[in-house]
Amino acid sequence: MAVEISLSGEVITARLTGEIDHHTAVGLRKEIDNSIEINMPSLVILDFERVSFMDSSGIGLIMGRYKNLSKRGANLNISGVNPRLYKMMRLSGIERIVKVDSPLKGEKFDG
């Protein structure tokens, strides 16, 4: 699992790649939180377009960043989700507290 972090003004975009599970989530959290600490963004976008698999550790990753950013008065958005991840996020209730973009165009959502 890798993360590519970019900064544009007060917006951090973290492009996640590969699988998110309990082995990879710790490293991702550290990298994203370090960037948040240094840059103090008003918005963080977690881009899941290149994520091939995610278990409940991914939900924990999202929730932890949401709590961290909320304390700072910043927002969290989720983008690039495929239909399978979108369904998992919807069932977990994430989309009630975080803006989650609809599944990628061109992919069928059967949720």
C-alpha atoms as a PDB file:
ATOM      1  CA  MET A   1       0.000   0.000   0.000  1.00  0.00           C
ATOM      2  CA  ALA A   2       1.248   3.425  -0.894  1.00  0.00           C
ATOM      3  CA  VAL A   3       0.015   6.965  -0.491  1.00  0.00           C
ATOM      4  CA  GLU A   4       0.892   9.950  -2.637  1.00  0.00           C
ATOM      5  CA  ILE A   5       0.193  13.214  -0.855  1.00  0.00           C
ATOM      6  CA  SER A   6      -0.153  16.536  -2.649  1.00  0.00           C
ATOM      7  CA  LEU A   7      -0.946  20.016  -1.388  1.00  0.00           C
ATOM      8  CA  SER A   8      -2.837  22.723  -3.269  1.00  0.00           C
ATOM      9  CA  GLY A   9      -3.494  25.794  -1.180  1.00  0.00           C
ATOM     10  CA  GLU A  10      -5.225  24.573   1.968  1.00  0.00           C
ATOM     11  CA  VAL A  11      -6.257  21.237   0.433  1.00  0.00           C
ATOM     12  CA  ILE A  12      -4.373  17.983   0.944  1.00  0.00           C
ATOM     13  CA  THR A  13      -5.119  15.127  -1.437  1.00  0.00           C
ATOM     14  CA  ALA A  14      -3.969  11.667  -0.368  1.00  0.00           C
ATOM     15  CA  ARG A  15      -4.061   9.225  -3.297  1.00  0.00           C
ATOM     16  CA  LEU A  16      -4.158   5.710  -1.881  1.00  0.00           C
ATOM     17  CA  THR A  17      -2.943   2.730  -3.915  1.00  0.00           C
ATOM     18  CA  GLY A  18      -3.259  -1.014  -3.351  1.00  0.00           C
ATOM     19  CA  GLU A  19      -4.890  -2.770  -0.408  1.00  0.00           C
ATOM     20  CA  ILE A  20      -5.918  -1.274   2.932  1.00  0.00           C
ATOM     21  CA  ASP A  21      -5.856  -3.774   5.770  1.00  0.00           C
ATOM     22  CA  HIS A  22      -4.567  -3.880   9.347  1.00  0.00           C
ATOM     23  CA  HIS A  23      -0.975  -4.290   8.072  1.00  0.00           C
ATOM     24  CA  THR A  24      -0.998  -1.203   5.845  1.00  0.00           C
ATOM     25  CA  ALA A  25      -3.382   1.137   7.679  1.00  0.00           C
ATOM     26  CA  VAL A  26      -0.844   2.112  10.373  1.00  0.00           C
ATOM     27  CA  GLY A  27       1.660   3.457   7.852  1.00  0.00           C
ATOM     28  CA  LEU A  28      -1.036   5.297   5.934  1.00  0.00           C
ATOM     29  CA  ARG A  29      -2.324   6.936   9.111  1.00  0.00           C
ATOM     30  CA  LYS A  30       1.159   8.122  10.030  1.00  0.00           C
ATOM     31  CA  GLU A  31       1.858   9.635   6.614  1.00  0.00           C
ATOM     32  CA  ILE A  32      -1.509  11.360   6.312  1.00  0.00           C
ATOM     33  CA  ASP A  33      -1.480  12.647   9.908  1.00  0.00           C
ATOM     34  CA  ASN A  34       2.075  13.951   9.489  1.00  0.00           C
ATOM     35  CA  SER A  35       1.010  15.925   6.426  1.00  0.00           C
ATOM     36  CA  ILE A  36      -2.039  17.279   8.292  1.00  0.00           C
ATOM     37  CA  GLU A  37       0.153  18.339  11.226  1.00  0.00           C
ATOM     38  CA  ILE A  38       2.656  20.141   9.002  1.00  0.00           C
ATOM     39  CA  ASN A  39       0.249  21.779   6.529  1.00  0.00           C
ATOM     40  CA  MET A  40      -2.856  22.507   8.662  1.00  0.00           C
ATOM     41  CA  PRO A  41      -5.312  22.079   5.746  1.00  0.00           C
ATOM     42  CA  SER A  42      -8.939  23.171   5.671  1.00  0.00           C
ATOM     43  CA  LEU A  43      -9.829  20.093   3.594  1.00  0.00           C
ATOM     44  CA  VAL A  44      -8.358  16.609   3.151  1.00  0.00           C
ATOM     45  CA  ILE A  45      -9.432  14.463   0.220  1.00  0.00           C
ATOM     46  CA  LEU A  46      -8.807  10.727   0.463  1.00  0.00           C
ATOM     47  CA  ASP A  47      -8.729   9.408  -3.113  1.00  0.00           C
ATOM     48  CA  PHE A  48      -9.603   5.701  -3.291  1.00  0.00           C
ATOM     49  CA  GLU A  49      -9.471   5.389  -7.092  1.00  0.00           C
ATOM     50  CA  ARG A  50      -6.463   3.038  -7.008  1.00  0.00           C
ATOM     51  CA  VAL A  51      -7.534   0.998  -3.954  1.00  0.00           C
ATOM     52  CA  SER A  52      -8.134  -2.623  -4.928  1.00  0.00           C
ATOM     53  CA  PHE A  53      -9.228  -3.946  -1.500  1.00  0.00           C
ATOM     54  CA  MET A  54     -10.266  -2.524   1.854  1.00  0.00           C
ATOM     55  CA  ASP A  55     -11.359  -4.180   5.093  1.00  0.00           C
ATOM     56  CA  SER A  56     -12.624  -2.551   8.289  1.00  0.00           C
ATOM     57  CA  SER A  57      -9.177  -1.005   8.817  1.00  0.00           C
ATOM     58  CA  GLY A  58     -10.037   1.356   5.968  1.00  0.00           C
ATOM     59  CA  ILE A  59     -13.167   2.464   7.809  1.00  0.00           C
ATOM     60  CA  GLY A  60     -10.991   3.051  10.878  1.00  0.00           C
ATOM     61  CA  LEU A  61      -8.548   5.061   8.765  1.00  0.00           C
ATOM     62  CA  ILE A  62     -11.369   7.296   7.538  1.00  0.00           C
ATOM     63  CA  MET A  63     -12.943   7.722  10.993  1.00  0.00           C
ATOM     64  CA  GLY A  64      -9.636   8.570  12.638  1.00  0.00           C
ATOM     65  CA  ARG A  65      -8.843  11.247  10.044  1.00  0.00           C
ATOM     66  CA  TYR A  66     -12.377  12.621  10.390  1.00  0.00           C
ATOM     67  CA  LYS A  67     -11.987  12.968  14.173  1.00  0.00           C
ATOM     68  CA  ASN A  68      -8.517  14.516  13.813  1.00  0.00           C
ATOM     69  CA  LEU A  69      -9.710  17.043  11.223  1.00  0.00           C
ATOM     70  CA  SER A  70     -12.931  17.880  13.081  1.00  0.00           C
ATOM     71  CA  LYS A  71     -10.902  18.966  16.109  1.00  0.00           C
ATOM     72  CA  ARG A  72      -9.070  21.413  13.826  1.00  0.00           C
ATOM     73  CA  GLY A  73     -12.215  22.719  12.139  1.00  0.00           C
ATOM     74  CA  ALA A  74     -11.246  21.070   8.835  1.00  0.00           C
ATOM     75  CA  ASN A  75     -13.244  18.793   6.537  1.00  0.00           C
ATOM     76  CA  LEU A  76     -12.729  15.359   5.005  1.00  0.00           C
ATOM     77  CA  ASN A  77     -13.990  14.204   1.601  1.00  0.00           C
ATOM     78  CA  ILE A  78     -13.747  10.759   0.005  1.00  0.00           C
ATOM     79  CA  SER A  79     -13.361  10.420  -3.769  1.00  0.00           C
ATOM     80  CA  GLY A  80     -12.670   7.791  -6.409  1.00  0.00           C
ATOM     81  CA  VAL A  81     -14.549   4.958  -4.731  1.00  0.00           C
ATOM     82  CA  ASN A  82     -15.574   1.898  -6.689  1.00  0.00           C
ATOM     83  CA  PRO A  83     -19.057   0.416  -6.181  1.00  0.00           C
ATOM     84  CA  ARG A  84     -17.845  -2.238  -3.704  1.00  0.00           C
ATOM     85  CA  LEU A  85     -16.085   0.309  -1.477  1.00  0.00           C
ATOM     86  CA  TYR A  86     -18.992   2.715  -1.776  1.00  0.00           C
ATOM     87  CA  LYS A  87     -21.381   0.059  -0.522  1.00  0.00           C
ATOM     88  CA  MET A  88     -19.074  -0.721   2.440  1.00  0.00           C
ATOM     89  CA  MET A  89     -18.812   2.961   3.318  1.00  0.00           C
ATOM     90  CA  ARG A  90     -22.559   3.424   3.038  1.00  0.00           C
ATOM     91  CA  LEU A  91     -23.283   0.408   5.262  1.00  0.00           C
ATOM     92  CA  SER A  92     -20.804   1.649   7.872  1.00  0.00           C
ATOM     93  CA  GLY A  93     -22.541   5.036   8.030  1.00  0.00           C
ATOM     94  CA  ILE A  94     -19.474   6.971   6.897  1.00  0.00           C
ATOM     95  CA  GLU A  95     -21.442   8.951   4.326  1.00  0.00           C
ATOM     96  CA  ARG A  96     -23.598  10.449   7.080  1.00  0.00           C
ATOM     97  CA  ILE A  97     -20.593  12.352   8.459  1.00  0.00           C
ATOM     98  CA  VAL A  98     -18.150  12.582   5.529  1.00  0.00           C
ATOM     99  CA  LYS A  99     -18.822  13.610   1.928  1.00  0.00           C
ATOM    100  CA  VAL A 100     -18.388  10.457  -0.186  1.00  0.00           C
ATOM    101  CA  ASP A 101     -18.507  10.893  -3.950  1.00  0.00           C
ATOM    102  CA  SER A 102     -20.695   8.444  -5.852  1.00  0.00           C
ATOM    103  CA  PRO A 103     -18.977   5.447  -7.466  1.00  0.00           C
ATOM    104  CA  LEU A 104     -16.683   6.129 -10.383  1.00  0.00           C
ATOM    105  CA  LYS A 105     -18.454   6.864 -13.641  1.00  0.00           C
ATOM    106  CA  GLY A 106     -18.789   3.914 -15.944  1.00  0.00           C
ATOM    107  CA  GLU A 107     -18.950   1.394 -13.101  1.00  0.00           C
ATOM    108  CA  LYS A 108     -22.240  -0.201 -12.171  1.00  0.00           C
ATOM    109  CA  PHE A 109     -23.492   0.333  -8.620  1.00  0.00           C
ATOM    110  CA  ASP A 110     -25.929  -2.322  -7.440  1.00  0.00           C
ATOM    111  CA  GLY A 111     -26.382  -1.007  -3.906  1.00  0.00           C
END
